[in-house]
N, C-alpha and C. Protein backbone atom coordinates (compact mmCIF):
# COMPACT_ATOMS: atom_id res chain seq x y z
N MET A 1 0.82 -1.11 0.26
CA MET A 1 0.06 0.11 0.23
C MET A 1 0.79 1.17 -0.01
N ASN A 2 0.45 1.91 -0.44
CA ASN A 2 1.01 3.27 -0.78
C ASN A 2 0.46 4.53 -0.16
N ILE A 3 0.88 5.64 0.34
CA ILE A 3 -0.09 6.78 1.18
C ILE A 3 0.72 8.04 0.39
N SER A 4 0.05 8.65 -0.32
CA SER A 4 0.74 10.19 -0.69
C SER A 4 -0.03 11.45 -0.05
N GLU A 5 0.65 12.44 0.29
CA GLU A 5 -0.37 13.44 0.47
C GLU A 5 -0.07 14.73 -0.51
N VAL A 6 -0.95 15.88 -0.43
CA VAL A 6 -0.81 16.95 -1.16
C VAL A 6 -1.73 18.16 -0.52
N ASN A 7 -0.99 19.35 -0.39
CA ASN A 7 -2.00 20.12 0.12
C ASN A 7 -2.67 20.92 -1.39
N GLU A 8 -4.39 20.74 -1.37
CA GLU A 8 -4.56 21.42 -2.57
C GLU A 8 -5.83 22.60 -2.00
N GLY A 9 -4.80 23.58 -1.84
CA GLY A 9 -5.62 24.80 -1.62
C GLY A 9 -5.77 24.83 0.21
N GLU A 10 -7.10 24.83 0.55
CA GLU A 10 -7.19 24.57 1.94
C GLU A 10 -7.55 22.94 2.33
N VAL A 11 -7.45 22.41 1.07
CA VAL A 11 -7.82 20.67 1.63
C VAL A 11 -6.44 19.94 1.50
N LEU A 12 -6.54 19.08 2.51
CA LEU A 12 -5.41 18.16 2.42
C LEU A 12 -5.75 17.02 1.73
N ALA A 13 -5.20 16.67 0.61
CA ALA A 13 -6.20 15.44 0.11
C ALA A 13 -4.89 14.37 0.36
N ILE A 14 -5.31 13.10 0.81
CA ILE A 14 -4.61 11.95 0.91
C ILE A 14 -4.79 10.83 -0.28
N ALA A 15 -4.00 10.40 -0.79
CA ALA A 15 -4.29 9.15 -1.72
C ALA A 15 -3.87 8.19 -1.30
N VAL A 16 -4.77 6.87 -1.31
CA VAL A 16 -3.98 5.59 -0.99
C VAL A 16 -4.15 4.84 -1.92
N SER A 17 -3.45 3.86 -2.69
CA SER A 17 -3.36 2.73 -3.44
C SER A 17 -2.91 1.53 -3.12
N GLY A 18 -3.38 0.32 -3.55
CA GLY A 18 -3.22 -1.04 -3.26
C GLY A 18 -4.41 -1.59 -2.04
N ARG A 19 -4.15 -2.13 -1.41
CA ARG A 19 -4.82 -2.98 -0.48
C ARG A 19 -4.76 -2.40 0.91
N VAL A 20 -5.75 -2.28 1.10
CA VAL A 20 -6.05 -2.09 2.84
C VAL A 20 -6.49 -2.89 3.88
N ASP A 21 -5.47 -3.85 4.08
CA ASP A 21 -5.91 -5.11 4.83
C ASP A 21 -4.93 -5.21 6.16
N SER A 22 -4.93 -6.13 6.92
CA SER A 22 -4.56 -6.23 7.97
C SER A 22 -3.27 -6.40 7.98
N THR A 23 -2.33 -6.37 6.83
CA THR A 23 -1.24 -6.00 6.98
C THR A 23 -0.63 -4.42 6.78
N THR A 24 -1.75 -3.65 5.89
CA THR A 24 -1.35 -2.44 5.70
C THR A 24 -2.28 -1.42 6.25
N ALA A 25 -3.18 -1.71 7.11
CA ALA A 25 -4.01 -0.83 7.79
C ALA A 25 -3.14 -0.02 8.75
N GLY A 26 -2.03 -0.54 9.59
CA GLY A 26 -1.42 0.11 10.21
C GLY A 26 -0.67 1.31 9.86
N GLN A 27 -0.35 1.22 8.47
CA GLN A 27 0.43 2.04 7.90
C GLN A 27 -0.62 3.35 7.97
N LEU A 28 -1.98 3.23 7.53
CA LEU A 28 -2.95 3.84 7.55
C LEU A 28 -3.36 4.70 8.63
N ASP A 29 -3.33 3.97 9.70
CA ASP A 29 -3.46 4.61 11.14
C ASP A 29 -2.59 5.32 11.51
N GLU A 30 -1.22 5.25 10.83
CA GLU A 30 -0.14 5.90 11.36
C GLU A 30 -0.45 7.23 10.61
N VAL A 31 -1.34 7.68 9.97
CA VAL A 31 -1.19 8.74 9.15
C VAL A 31 -2.60 9.52 9.16
N LEU A 32 -3.94 8.80 9.12
CA LEU A 32 -4.91 9.17 8.89
C LEU A 32 -5.57 9.95 9.91
N PRO A 33 -5.96 9.03 11.14
CA PRO A 33 -6.28 10.00 11.95
C PRO A 33 -5.82 11.54 12.70
N GLU A 34 -4.01 11.40 12.57
CA GLU A 34 -3.24 12.47 12.93
C GLU A 34 -4.00 13.58 12.03
N ARG A 35 -4.02 13.61 10.89
CA ARG A 35 -4.20 14.11 9.77
C ARG A 35 -5.45 14.95 9.97
N VAL A 36 -6.45 14.22 10.17
CA VAL A 36 -7.98 14.46 10.09
C VAL A 36 -7.73 15.20 11.45
N GLN A 37 -7.25 15.06 12.56
CA GLN A 37 -7.33 15.73 13.79
C GLN A 37 -6.71 17.15 13.65
N SER A 38 -5.42 17.33 12.80
CA SER A 38 -4.72 18.78 12.65
C SER A 38 -5.23 19.29 11.19
N ALA A 39 -5.88 18.87 10.44
CA ALA A 39 -6.38 19.47 8.99
C ALA A 39 -7.99 19.50 9.14
N SER A 40 -8.44 20.72 8.85
CA SER A 40 -9.91 20.90 8.99
C SER A 40 -10.57 20.53 7.96
N ARG A 41 -9.98 20.11 6.67
CA ARG A 41 -10.62 19.50 5.33
C ARG A 41 -9.67 18.44 4.94
N VAL A 42 -10.44 17.22 4.89
CA VAL A 42 -9.20 16.42 4.57
C VAL A 42 -9.97 15.46 3.35
N LEU A 43 -9.37 14.77 2.60
CA LEU A 43 -10.19 14.36 1.16
C LEU A 43 -9.16 13.05 1.44
N LEU A 44 -10.00 11.89 1.68
CA LEU A 44 -9.39 10.53 1.43
C LEU A 44 -9.67 10.08 -0.16
N ASP A 45 -8.78 10.08 -0.75
CA ASP A 45 -8.94 9.38 -2.13
C ASP A 45 -8.61 7.87 -2.05
N LEU A 46 -9.55 7.21 -2.73
CA LEU A 46 -9.36 5.85 -2.58
C LEU A 46 -9.35 5.19 -3.88
N THR A 47 -9.74 6.13 -4.85
CA THR A 47 -9.44 5.50 -6.26
C THR A 47 -8.78 4.27 -6.64
N ASP A 48 -7.44 3.97 -6.54
CA ASP A 48 -6.64 3.12 -6.76
C ASP A 48 -6.31 2.19 -5.13
N VAL A 49 -7.95 1.97 -4.67
CA VAL A 49 -7.82 0.65 -3.67
C VAL A 49 -9.11 0.01 -4.32
N GLN A 50 -8.67 -1.38 -4.32
CA GLN A 50 -9.51 -2.36 -4.76
C GLN A 50 -10.30 -3.29 -3.62
N TYR A 51 -9.62 -2.93 -2.47
CA TYR A 51 -10.04 -3.79 -1.26
C TYR A 51 -9.65 -3.17 0.23
N VAL A 52 -10.78 -3.13 1.12
CA VAL A 52 -10.44 -2.70 2.11
C VAL A 52 -11.06 -3.80 2.98
N SER A 53 -10.47 -4.27 4.09
CA SER A 53 -10.52 -5.17 5.13
C SER A 53 -11.29 -4.58 6.26
N SER A 54 -11.60 -5.44 7.46
CA SER A 54 -12.32 -4.90 8.66
C SER A 54 -11.31 -3.86 9.25
N ALA A 55 -9.68 -4.28 9.15
CA ALA A 55 -9.02 -3.54 9.97
C ALA A 55 -8.89 -2.14 9.14
N GLY A 56 -8.77 -1.89 7.86
CA GLY A 56 -8.97 -0.85 7.42
C GLY A 56 -10.26 0.09 7.66
N LEU A 57 -11.37 -0.55 7.54
CA LEU A 57 -12.36 -0.14 8.00
C LEU A 57 -12.41 0.48 9.45
N ARG A 58 -12.04 -0.41 10.33
CA ARG A 58 -11.63 0.49 11.66
C ARG A 58 -10.69 1.87 11.46
N VAL A 59 -9.92 1.62 10.50
CA VAL A 59 -8.98 3.02 10.68
C VAL A 59 -9.86 4.06 10.56
N MET A 60 -10.59 3.71 9.24
CA MET A 60 -11.88 4.99 8.45
C MET A 60 -12.25 5.14 9.80
N LEU A 61 -13.17 4.67 10.33
CA LEU A 61 -14.08 4.82 11.47
C LEU A 61 -13.47 5.45 12.67
N LYS A 62 -12.17 5.22 13.00
CA LYS A 62 -11.39 5.82 13.84
C LYS A 62 -11.53 7.69 13.37
N ALA A 63 -10.83 7.84 12.20
CA ALA A 63 -10.95 9.07 11.51
C ALA A 63 -12.13 9.78 11.67
N ALA A 64 -13.27 9.10 11.03
CA ALA A 64 -14.58 9.54 11.04
C ALA A 64 -15.11 10.24 12.50
N LYS A 65 -14.65 9.43 13.42
CA LYS A 65 -15.15 9.64 15.18
C LYS A 65 -14.22 11.01 15.13
N ILE A 66 -12.87 11.01 14.90
CA ILE A 66 -12.40 12.25 15.17
C ILE A 66 -12.81 13.56 14.49
N ALA A 67 -13.13 13.08 13.11
CA ALA A 67 -13.66 14.68 12.28
C ALA A 67 -14.94 15.08 12.87
N LYS A 68 -15.95 14.12 13.40
CA LYS A 68 -16.96 14.53 14.30
C LYS A 68 -16.57 15.18 15.35
N GLY A 69 -15.86 14.96 16.17
CA GLY A 69 -15.28 15.29 17.31
C GLY A 69 -14.89 16.87 17.19
N THR A 70 -13.92 17.09 16.04
CA THR A 70 -13.29 18.26 16.06
C THR A 70 -13.94 19.32 15.16
N GLY A 71 -15.10 19.06 14.54
CA GLY A 71 -15.86 19.65 13.44
C GLY A 71 -15.10 19.72 12.33
N HIS A 72 -14.50 19.11 12.06
CA HIS A 72 -13.45 18.69 10.65
C HIS A 72 -14.45 18.08 9.91
N ASP A 73 -13.74 18.37 8.45
CA ASP A 73 -14.47 17.46 7.47
C ASP A 73 -13.56 16.42 6.99
N LEU A 74 -14.02 15.51 6.39
CA LEU A 74 -13.25 14.35 5.99
C LEU A 74 -14.39 13.74 5.00
N VAL A 75 -13.74 13.73 3.64
CA VAL A 75 -14.77 13.18 2.65
C VAL A 75 -13.92 12.14 2.08
N LEU A 76 -14.39 10.79 1.50
CA LEU A 76 -14.12 9.92 0.78
C LEU A 76 -14.50 10.03 -0.77
N ALA A 77 -13.50 10.06 -1.59
CA ALA A 77 -13.80 9.80 -2.95
C ALA A 77 -13.49 8.73 -3.82
N GLY A 78 -13.75 8.46 -5.03
CA GLY A 78 -13.17 7.49 -5.74
C GLY A 78 -13.35 6.04 -5.43
N LEU A 79 -14.31 5.69 -4.48
CA LEU A 79 -14.49 4.25 -4.08
C LEU A 79 -14.89 3.18 -5.67
N ALA A 80 -14.12 1.91 -5.45
CA ALA A 80 -14.16 0.99 -6.55
C ALA A 80 -15.41 0.42 -5.98
N ALA A 81 -16.40 -0.02 -7.23
CA ALA A 81 -17.58 -0.89 -6.68
C ALA A 81 -17.69 -1.58 -5.90
N PRO A 82 -16.73 -2.83 -5.60
CA PRO A 82 -16.71 -3.63 -4.75
C PRO A 82 -16.42 -2.72 -3.22
N VAL A 83 -15.60 -1.91 -3.01
CA VAL A 83 -15.30 -1.05 -2.02
C VAL A 83 -16.74 -0.47 -1.49
N HIS A 84 -17.32 0.39 -2.66
CA HIS A 84 -18.27 0.92 -2.13
C HIS A 84 -19.39 0.02 -1.69
N GLU A 85 -19.91 -1.01 -2.22
CA GLU A 85 -20.75 -1.96 -1.90
C GLU A 85 -20.24 -2.24 -0.63
N VAL A 86 -19.44 -2.59 -0.17
CA VAL A 86 -18.87 -3.02 1.39
C VAL A 86 -19.34 -1.67 2.32
N PHE A 87 -19.02 -0.61 2.33
CA PHE A 87 -19.41 0.46 2.88
C PHE A 87 -21.06 0.69 2.96
N GLN A 88 -21.79 0.19 1.79
CA GLN A 88 -23.08 0.29 1.81
C GLN A 88 -23.87 -0.68 2.52
N VAL A 89 -23.24 -1.98 2.66
CA VAL A 89 -23.46 -3.13 3.44
C VAL A 89 -23.42 -2.91 4.63
N ILE A 90 -22.47 -2.18 5.28
CA ILE A 90 -22.34 -2.46 6.65
C ILE A 90 -22.69 -0.76 7.22
N GLY A 91 -23.32 -0.01 6.44
CA GLY A 91 -23.67 1.41 6.67
C GLY A 91 -22.76 2.51 6.92
N PHE A 92 -21.71 2.06 6.26
CA PHE A 92 -20.62 3.24 6.63
C PHE A 92 -21.02 4.29 5.22
N ASP A 93 -21.86 4.17 4.33
CA ASP A 93 -22.23 5.18 3.32
C ASP A 93 -23.06 6.32 4.24
N SER A 94 -23.42 5.83 5.33
CA SER A 94 -24.27 7.01 6.34
C SER A 94 -23.12 7.77 6.87
N LEU A 95 -22.08 7.50 7.44
CA LEU A 95 -21.19 7.61 8.36
C LEU A 95 -20.38 8.71 7.51
N PHE A 96 -20.09 8.43 6.33
CA PHE A 96 -19.08 9.12 5.42
C PHE A 96 -19.64 10.08 4.09
N ARG A 97 -19.19 11.16 4.00
CA ARG A 97 -19.40 11.89 2.80
C ARG A 97 -18.85 11.35 1.80
N ILE A 98 -19.33 10.50 0.67
CA ILE A 98 -18.72 9.86 -0.48
C ILE A 98 -18.88 10.44 -1.68
N LEU A 99 -17.85 10.94 -2.32
CA LEU A 99 -18.11 11.52 -3.73
C LEU A 99 -17.47 10.77 -4.81
N PRO A 100 -18.29 10.78 -5.86
CA PRO A 100 -17.59 9.60 -7.00
C PRO A 100 -16.03 9.94 -7.44
N ASP A 101 -15.63 11.23 -7.11
CA ASP A 101 -14.23 11.10 -7.50
C ASP A 101 -13.50 12.24 -7.17
N ARG A 102 -12.07 12.39 -7.31
CA ARG A 102 -11.47 13.51 -6.48
C ARG A 102 -11.67 14.94 -6.77
N ALA A 103 -11.98 14.97 -8.18
CA ALA A 103 -12.61 16.37 -8.52
C ALA A 103 -13.85 16.88 -7.54
N ALA A 104 -14.78 16.06 -7.61
CA ALA A 104 -15.95 16.37 -7.04
C ALA A 104 -15.65 16.58 -5.38
N ALA A 105 -14.98 15.85 -4.97
CA ALA A 105 -14.71 16.19 -3.25
C ALA A 105 -14.14 17.16 -3.57
N LEU A 106 -13.07 17.89 -3.97
CA LEU A 106 -12.53 18.97 -3.96
C LEU A 106 -13.22 20.24 -4.18
N ALA A 107 -14.28 20.19 -5.01
CA ALA A 107 -15.05 20.93 -5.14
C ALA A 107 -16.16 21.21 -3.97
N ALA A 108 -16.40 19.96 -3.76
CA ALA A 108 -17.24 20.06 -2.18
C ALA A 108 -16.68 20.67 -1.24
N LEU A 109 -15.43 20.20 -1.07
CA LEU A 109 -14.81 20.66 -0.03
C LEU A 109 -14.32 22.30 0.21
N SER A 110 -13.81 22.72 -1.00
CA SER A 110 -13.25 24.31 -1.57
C SER A 110 -14.51 25.14 -1.49
N GLY A 111 -15.52 24.60 -2.33
CA GLY A 111 -16.50 25.47 -2.94
C GLY A 111 -17.57 26.03 -1.88
N ASN A 112 -18.16 25.28 -0.81
CA ASN A 112 -18.89 25.89 -0.20
C ASN A 112 -18.47 25.67 1.44
N GLY A 113 -17.14 25.43 1.50
CA GLY A 113 -16.77 25.32 2.95
C GLY A 113 -17.09 23.92 3.60
N ALA A 114 -17.85 22.93 2.98
CA ALA A 114 -18.41 21.65 3.30
C ALA A 114 -19.47 21.89 4.39
């Protein structure tokens, strides 16, 4: 799994590629919760992720709770069909703002203050 970060205006975009599973979720846990705590607008770009295990989902849930507790915005974008289906089945689609792609997420976070 690879994680890259770039500031796009007032938005911190974090792009993840590869599998987010029990082997790699720790890498995401080292980055995502802290970034959501410190940045008021975070985009998690999952365009290049084809699989998320329960360990990866726990990291994302932890980040969502931090965002809610701090009043920060966390938006997910680019979920592949299998990943989006998992989010729907377990009800995570109601916990996260999920947009179809990075451009839409950046526009939502930048344009209206989310």
